[in-house]
Amino acid sequence: MVKVISLSNEAYIRLKTMKGNKSFSDIVVELVEEKRGKRKKSIMEFVGLWKEDADYWENFKKKIRESRNKARLREVKF
């Protein structure tokens, strides 16, 4: 079923710039789902999220490497 709605010029322009190859309906559904917190996020949205904490993560990786180097493998006899 199709419904007709009216938008301000500003709303239309904003939706049109978001649209790409998608339909206006798809964009509206995505926006509503995002607002409700139901939209699945792309992993690309998280790229660079912790870049300000680069020193922390480098130290974290260093500690992991150190603990792995200390670990000994068990010898298994068959």
N, C-alpha and C. Protein backbone atom coordinates (compact mmCIF):
# COMPACT_ATOMS: atom_id res chain seq x y z
N MET A 1 0.85 -1.17 0.00
CA MET A 1 0.00 0.00 0.00
C MET A 1 0.90 1.23 0.00
N VAL A 2 0.58 2.20 -0.80
CA VAL A 2 1.35 3.42 -0.93
C VAL A 2 0.61 4.55 -0.26
N LYS A 3 1.36 5.34 0.51
CA LYS A 3 0.81 6.54 1.16
C LYS A 3 1.58 7.75 0.65
N VAL A 4 0.89 8.85 0.51
CA VAL A 4 1.52 10.08 0.07
C VAL A 4 1.76 10.95 1.30
N ILE A 5 3.01 11.43 1.44
CA ILE A 5 3.33 12.35 2.54
C ILE A 5 3.98 13.58 1.94
N SER A 6 3.94 14.66 2.67
CA SER A 6 4.61 15.87 2.18
C SER A 6 5.78 16.18 3.10
N LEU A 7 6.85 16.70 2.51
CA LEU A 7 8.06 17.04 3.25
C LEU A 7 8.44 18.47 2.93
N SER A 8 9.13 19.09 3.87
CA SER A 8 9.69 20.40 3.57
C SER A 8 10.83 20.21 2.58
N ASN A 9 11.23 21.27 1.91
CA ASN A 9 12.33 21.18 0.95
C ASN A 9 13.60 20.70 1.64
N GLU A 10 13.84 21.20 2.86
CA GLU A 10 15.04 20.83 3.60
C GLU A 10 15.02 19.32 3.90
N ALA A 11 13.89 18.79 4.35
CA ALA A 11 13.78 17.36 4.65
C ALA A 11 13.99 16.53 3.38
N TYR A 12 13.40 16.97 2.28
CA TYR A 12 13.54 16.25 1.02
C TYR A 12 15.01 16.21 0.58
N ILE A 13 15.68 17.34 0.67
CA ILE A 13 17.09 17.42 0.24
C ILE A 13 17.95 16.51 1.12
N ARG A 14 17.71 16.53 2.42
CA ARG A 14 18.49 15.67 3.33
C ARG A 14 18.26 14.19 3.03
N LEU A 15 17.02 13.80 2.83
CA LEU A 15 16.73 12.41 2.49
C LEU A 15 17.34 12.03 1.15
N LYS A 16 17.27 12.93 0.21
CA LYS A 16 17.79 12.66 -1.13
C LYS A 16 19.30 12.44 -1.09
N THR A 17 20.01 13.22 -0.25
CA THR A 17 21.46 13.05 -0.16
C THR A 17 21.83 11.73 0.52
N MET A 18 20.97 11.23 1.40
CA MET A 18 21.22 9.96 2.08
C MET A 18 20.86 8.77 1.20
N LYS A 19 20.00 8.99 0.27
CA LYS A 19 19.33 7.94 -0.49
C LYS A 19 20.27 7.04 -1.28
N GLY A 20 21.17 7.60 -2.06
CA GLY A 20 22.01 6.77 -2.92
C GLY A 20 21.15 5.98 -3.87
N ASN A 21 21.35 4.65 -3.90
CA ASN A 21 20.56 3.76 -4.77
C ASN A 21 19.33 3.19 -4.07
N LYS A 22 19.12 3.58 -2.82
CA LYS A 22 17.99 3.06 -2.05
C LYS A 22 16.73 3.89 -2.35
N SER A 23 15.60 3.33 -1.97
CA SER A 23 14.35 4.07 -2.12
C SER A 23 14.17 4.99 -0.91
N PHE A 24 13.31 5.99 -1.06
CA PHE A 24 13.00 6.86 0.06
C PHE A 24 12.40 6.06 1.21
N SER A 25 11.58 5.06 0.88
CA SER A 25 10.98 4.21 1.91
C SER A 25 12.05 3.48 2.72
N ASP A 26 13.06 2.94 2.02
CA ASP A 26 14.14 2.24 2.71
C ASP A 26 14.87 3.17 3.68
N ILE A 27 15.13 4.41 3.24
CA ILE A 27 15.83 5.37 4.08
C ILE A 27 15.00 5.72 5.31
N VAL A 28 13.71 5.94 5.13
CA VAL A 28 12.84 6.29 6.26
C VAL A 28 12.81 5.12 7.26
N VAL A 29 12.69 3.89 6.77
CA VAL A 29 12.67 2.72 7.65
C VAL A 29 13.99 2.62 8.42
N GLU A 30 15.13 2.81 7.76
CA GLU A 30 16.43 2.76 8.43
C GLU A 30 16.53 3.82 9.52
N LEU A 31 16.08 5.03 9.21
CA LEU A 31 16.14 6.11 10.19
C LEU A 31 15.28 5.82 11.41
N VAL A 32 14.10 5.28 11.18
CA VAL A 32 13.21 4.95 12.30
C VAL A 32 13.82 3.84 13.14
N GLU A 33 14.37 2.82 12.49
CA GLU A 33 15.00 1.72 13.23
C GLU A 33 16.20 2.22 14.03
N GLU A 34 16.97 3.13 13.43
CA GLU A 34 18.13 3.69 14.13
C GLU A 34 17.68 4.47 15.36
N LYS A 35 16.63 5.23 15.22
CA LYS A 35 16.10 6.02 16.33
C LYS A 35 15.64 5.12 17.47
N ARG A 36 15.07 3.97 17.12
CA ARG A 36 14.58 3.02 18.12
C ARG A 36 15.69 2.10 18.62
N GLY A 37 16.87 2.23 18.05
CA GLY A 37 17.99 1.39 18.47
C GLY A 37 17.94 -0.02 17.94
N LYS A 38 17.18 -0.25 16.89
CA LYS A 38 17.02 -1.61 16.36
C LYS A 38 17.85 -1.85 15.11
N ARG A 39 18.48 -0.83 14.60
CA ARG A 39 19.22 -1.00 13.35
C ARG A 39 20.52 -1.76 13.59
N LYS A 40 20.81 -2.72 12.73
CA LYS A 40 22.07 -3.44 12.81
C LYS A 40 23.17 -2.51 12.34
N LYS A 41 24.25 -2.47 13.09
CA LYS A 41 25.35 -1.59 12.74
C LYS A 41 26.37 -2.33 11.88
N SER A 42 26.93 -1.60 10.97
CA SER A 42 28.00 -2.13 10.15
C SER A 42 29.29 -2.05 10.96
N ILE A 43 30.15 -3.01 10.78
CA ILE A 43 31.42 -2.99 11.50
C ILE A 43 32.24 -1.76 11.13
N MET A 44 31.99 -1.23 9.94
CA MET A 44 32.73 -0.05 9.49
C MET A 44 32.40 1.20 10.32
N GLU A 45 31.29 1.19 11.04
CA GLU A 45 30.95 2.31 11.90
C GLU A 45 31.88 2.41 13.10
N PHE A 46 32.59 1.32 13.38
CA PHE A 46 33.46 1.29 14.55
C PHE A 46 34.92 1.58 14.22
N VAL A 47 35.24 1.73 12.94
CA VAL A 47 36.61 1.98 12.53
C VAL A 47 37.10 3.28 13.16
N GLY A 48 38.25 3.21 13.82
CA GLY A 48 38.87 4.39 14.41
C GLY A 48 38.24 4.84 15.72
N LEU A 49 37.34 4.05 16.25
CA LEU A 49 36.63 4.43 17.45
C LEU A 49 37.56 4.65 18.64
N TRP A 50 38.59 3.82 18.75
CA TRP A 50 39.49 3.91 19.90
C TRP A 50 40.85 4.51 19.53
N LYS A 51 40.93 5.25 18.47
CA LYS A 51 42.25 5.74 18.06
C LYS A 51 42.86 6.71 19.07
N GLU A 52 42.01 7.40 19.86
CA GLU A 52 42.56 8.29 20.89
C GLU A 52 43.23 7.49 22.00
N ASP A 53 42.86 6.23 22.15
CA ASP A 53 43.41 5.37 23.19
C ASP A 53 44.51 4.46 22.63
N ALA A 54 45.21 4.91 21.61
CA ALA A 54 46.21 4.08 20.94
C ALA A 54 47.27 3.58 21.92
N ASP A 55 47.73 4.42 22.84
CA ASP A 55 48.76 4.01 23.80
C ASP A 55 48.23 2.89 24.70
N TYR A 56 47.00 3.04 25.15
CA TYR A 56 46.39 2.01 25.99
C TYR A 56 46.35 0.68 25.26
N TRP A 57 45.92 0.67 24.00
CA TRP A 57 45.78 -0.58 23.26
C TRP A 57 47.13 -1.19 22.91
N GLU A 58 48.13 -0.35 22.68
CA GLU A 58 49.47 -0.88 22.43
C GLU A 58 49.99 -1.58 23.67
N ASN A 59 49.78 -0.97 24.83
CA ASN A 59 50.20 -1.57 26.09
C ASN A 59 49.42 -2.87 26.34
N PHE A 60 48.15 -2.87 26.03
CA PHE A 60 47.29 -4.05 26.17
C PHE A 60 47.84 -5.20 25.32
N LYS A 61 48.15 -4.90 24.04
CA LYS A 61 48.69 -5.93 23.15
C LYS A 61 50.04 -6.44 23.66
N LYS A 62 50.86 -5.54 24.20
CA LYS A 62 52.17 -5.92 24.73
C LYS A 62 51.99 -6.92 25.89
N LYS A 63 51.05 -6.65 26.78
CA LYS A 63 50.80 -7.55 27.91
C LYS A 63 50.30 -8.91 27.43
N ILE A 64 49.47 -8.92 26.42
CA ILE A 64 48.98 -10.20 25.86
C ILE A 64 50.15 -11.00 25.29
N ARG A 65 51.02 -10.32 24.52
CA ARG A 65 52.19 -11.00 23.95
C ARG A 65 53.07 -11.59 25.05
N GLU A 66 53.29 -10.79 26.11
CA GLU A 66 54.13 -11.25 27.21
C GLU A 66 53.53 -12.49 27.88
N SER A 67 52.22 -12.46 28.13
CA SER A 67 51.59 -13.61 28.79
C SER A 67 51.59 -14.84 27.88
N ARG A 68 51.47 -14.64 26.59
CA ARG A 68 51.53 -15.78 25.66
C ARG A 68 52.92 -16.38 25.63
N ASN A 69 53.94 -15.52 25.69
CA ASN A 69 55.32 -16.02 25.69
C ASN A 69 55.64 -16.78 26.96
N LYS A 70 55.01 -16.43 28.07
CA LYS A 70 55.24 -17.11 29.34
C LYS A 70 54.53 -18.45 29.41
N ALA A 71 53.48 -18.60 28.66
CA ALA A 71 52.70 -19.84 28.70
C ALA A 71 53.50 -20.99 28.12
N ARG A 72 53.36 -22.15 28.74
CA ARG A 72 54.05 -23.33 28.25
C ARG A 72 53.02 -24.28 27.67
N LEU A 73 53.39 -24.91 26.59
CA LEU A 73 52.52 -25.90 25.98
C LEU A 73 52.68 -27.23 26.70
N ARG A 74 51.58 -27.91 26.88
CA ARG A 74 51.62 -29.24 27.48
C ARG A 74 52.05 -30.26 26.45
N GLU A 75 52.78 -31.20 26.93
CA GLU A 75 53.18 -32.28 26.05
C GLU A 75 52.11 -33.35 26.13
N VAL A 76 51.61 -33.78 25.01
CA VAL A 76 50.58 -34.80 24.98
C VAL A 76 51.16 -36.07 24.38
N LYS A 77 50.96 -37.15 25.12
CA LYS A 77 51.47 -38.45 24.63
C LYS A 77 50.30 -39.29 24.20
N PHE A 78 50.42 -39.91 23.05
CA PHE A 78 49.37 -40.77 22.52
C PHE A 78 49.72 -42.21 22.69
